[in-house]
Amino acid sequence: MKKVGIIGCGGIAQVHGWVLQGMKNAELAAVCDVERDRAEALSKRYGAGTARVHTDWQELCNSDVDVVHICTPHFLHAPMAAELLRHGKAVFMEKP
C-alpha cells in the first residue's frame, strides 16, 4: 500500500482525491494547503478524515508518505518537486 500526499487542495486536487479513493494500492495519508479549511475538507472527503492535515508543504518531505501529488500553481511545481525528490519521495504532477 502506497501512502500518498497531496499538496494544494483546490479544484484539481478533487480529481486526484477521487481517483486515489478508487485505488486499492494507495491511500490518501496527508494533505496540505495554505488554507487549512481546504485541506481539512479534502481529508474528510477523500481520506476518510484520517489523512493528516498540513499547512506547510515541507512537512511532507520528512513524513511517511511514499508519493506526493503536486496540485499547486505551475510556478511552484519545479521547486517543490526538486525538494521532495531530494527527500526520496516519488512525485506526480500534471505540468512542470
Protein backbone atom coordinates (compact mmCIF):
# COMPACT_ATOMS: atom_id res chain seq x y z
CA MET A 1 0.00 0.00 0.00
CA LYS A 2 1.44 3.35 -1.05
CA LYS A 3 0.85 6.34 1.20
CA VAL A 4 0.03 9.41 -0.86
CA GLY A 5 0.12 13.11 -0.03
CA ILE A 6 -1.47 15.95 -1.95
CA ILE A 7 -0.10 19.49 -1.88
CA GLY A 8 -2.67 22.08 -2.96
CA CYS A 9 -6.29 21.24 -2.19
CA GLY A 10 -8.11 23.32 -4.79
CA GLY A 11 -10.04 22.21 -7.85
CA ILE A 12 -7.67 19.73 -9.49
CA ALA A 13 -6.91 18.07 -6.13
CA GLN A 14 -10.54 16.94 -6.06
CA VAL A 15 -9.90 14.87 -9.18
CA HIS A 16 -6.71 13.40 -7.71
CA GLY A 17 -8.51 12.57 -4.46
CA TRP A 18 -11.38 10.93 -6.29
CA VAL A 19 -9.02 8.77 -8.35
CA LEU A 20 -6.95 7.79 -5.31
CA GLN A 21 -10.11 6.84 -3.45
CA GLY A 22 -10.79 4.15 -6.04
CA MET A 23 -7.28 2.65 -6.00
CA LYS A 24 -6.71 -0.49 -3.96
CA ASN A 25 -2.94 0.00 -3.63
CA ALA A 26 -2.96 3.63 -2.48
CA GLU A 27 -4.30 5.59 0.46
CA LEU A 28 -4.52 9.33 0.94
CA ALA A 29 -2.34 9.78 4.01
CA ALA A 30 -1.64 13.53 4.04
CA VAL A 31 -2.99 16.72 2.52
CA CYS A 32 -1.54 20.21 2.53
CA ASP A 33 -2.83 23.66 1.66
CA VAL A 34 -2.07 27.16 2.89
CA GLU A 35 -5.78 27.37 3.69
CA ARG A 36 -6.30 24.81 6.46
CA ASP A 37 -10.06 24.61 5.81
CA ARG A 38 -9.47 23.39 2.26
CA ALA A 39 -7.01 20.76 3.45
CA GLU A 40 -9.41 19.57 6.13
CA ALA A 41 -12.24 19.32 3.59
CA LEU A 42 -10.10 17.23 1.22
CA SER A 43 -9.03 14.96 4.09
CA LYS A 44 -12.63 14.43 5.10
CA ARG A 45 -13.93 13.86 1.58
CA TYR A 46 -11.22 11.57 0.17
CA GLY A 47 -9.12 10.49 3.13
CA ALA A 48 -11.98 9.38 5.38
CA GLY A 49 -10.95 12.17 7.72
CA THR A 50 -7.77 10.27 8.62
CA ALA A 51 -5.40 11.94 6.16
CA ARG A 52 -3.11 14.23 8.16
CA VAL A 53 -3.63 17.93 7.50
CA HIS A 54 -0.68 20.28 6.94
CA THR A 55 -0.34 23.94 6.02
CA ASP A 56 3.43 23.77 5.32
CA TRP A 57 4.25 21.57 2.32
CA GLN A 58 7.81 20.97 3.51
CA GLU A 59 6.43 18.86 6.36
CA LEU A 60 5.69 16.19 3.75
CA CYS A 61 9.42 15.93 2.98
CA ASN A 62 10.08 14.17 6.28
CA SER A 63 6.74 12.38 6.57
CA ASP A 64 5.97 8.72 5.89
CA VAL A 65 4.30 9.36 2.52
CA ASP A 66 5.71 7.50 -0.47
CA VAL A 67 4.25 9.66 -3.24
CA VAL A 68 3.28 13.33 -3.37
CA HIS A 69 0.84 14.78 -5.89
CA ILE A 70 1.62 18.44 -6.54
CA CYS A 71 -1.63 20.29 -7.31
CA THR A 72 -0.41 23.84 -6.80
CA PRO A 73 0.01 26.69 -9.29
CA HIS A 74 2.51 25.72 -12.01
CA PHE A 75 5.30 28.08 -10.94
CA LEU A 76 5.60 26.13 -7.66
CA HIS A 77 5.90 22.69 -9.28
CA ALA A 78 9.63 22.59 -10.03
CA PRO A 79 10.95 23.83 -6.65
CA MET A 80 8.54 21.61 -4.73
CA ALA A 81 9.30 18.56 -6.87
CA ALA A 82 13.06 19.06 -6.54
CA GLU A 83 12.89 19.27 -2.76
CA LEU A 84 10.57 16.27 -2.44
CA LEU A 85 12.80 14.20 -4.73
CA ARG A 86 15.84 15.13 -2.60
CA HIS A 87 13.95 13.59 0.32
CA GLY A 88 13.29 10.36 -1.57
CA LYS A 89 9.63 10.95 -2.39
CA ALA A 90 8.08 9.99 -5.69
CA VAL A 91 6.37 12.98 -7.28
CA PHE A 92 3.31 13.18 -9.52
CA MET A 93 2.36 16.43 -11.23
CA GLU A 94 0.44 17.29 -14.34
CA LYS A 95 2.70 20.01 -15.70
CA PRO A 96 6.24 21.03 -14.76
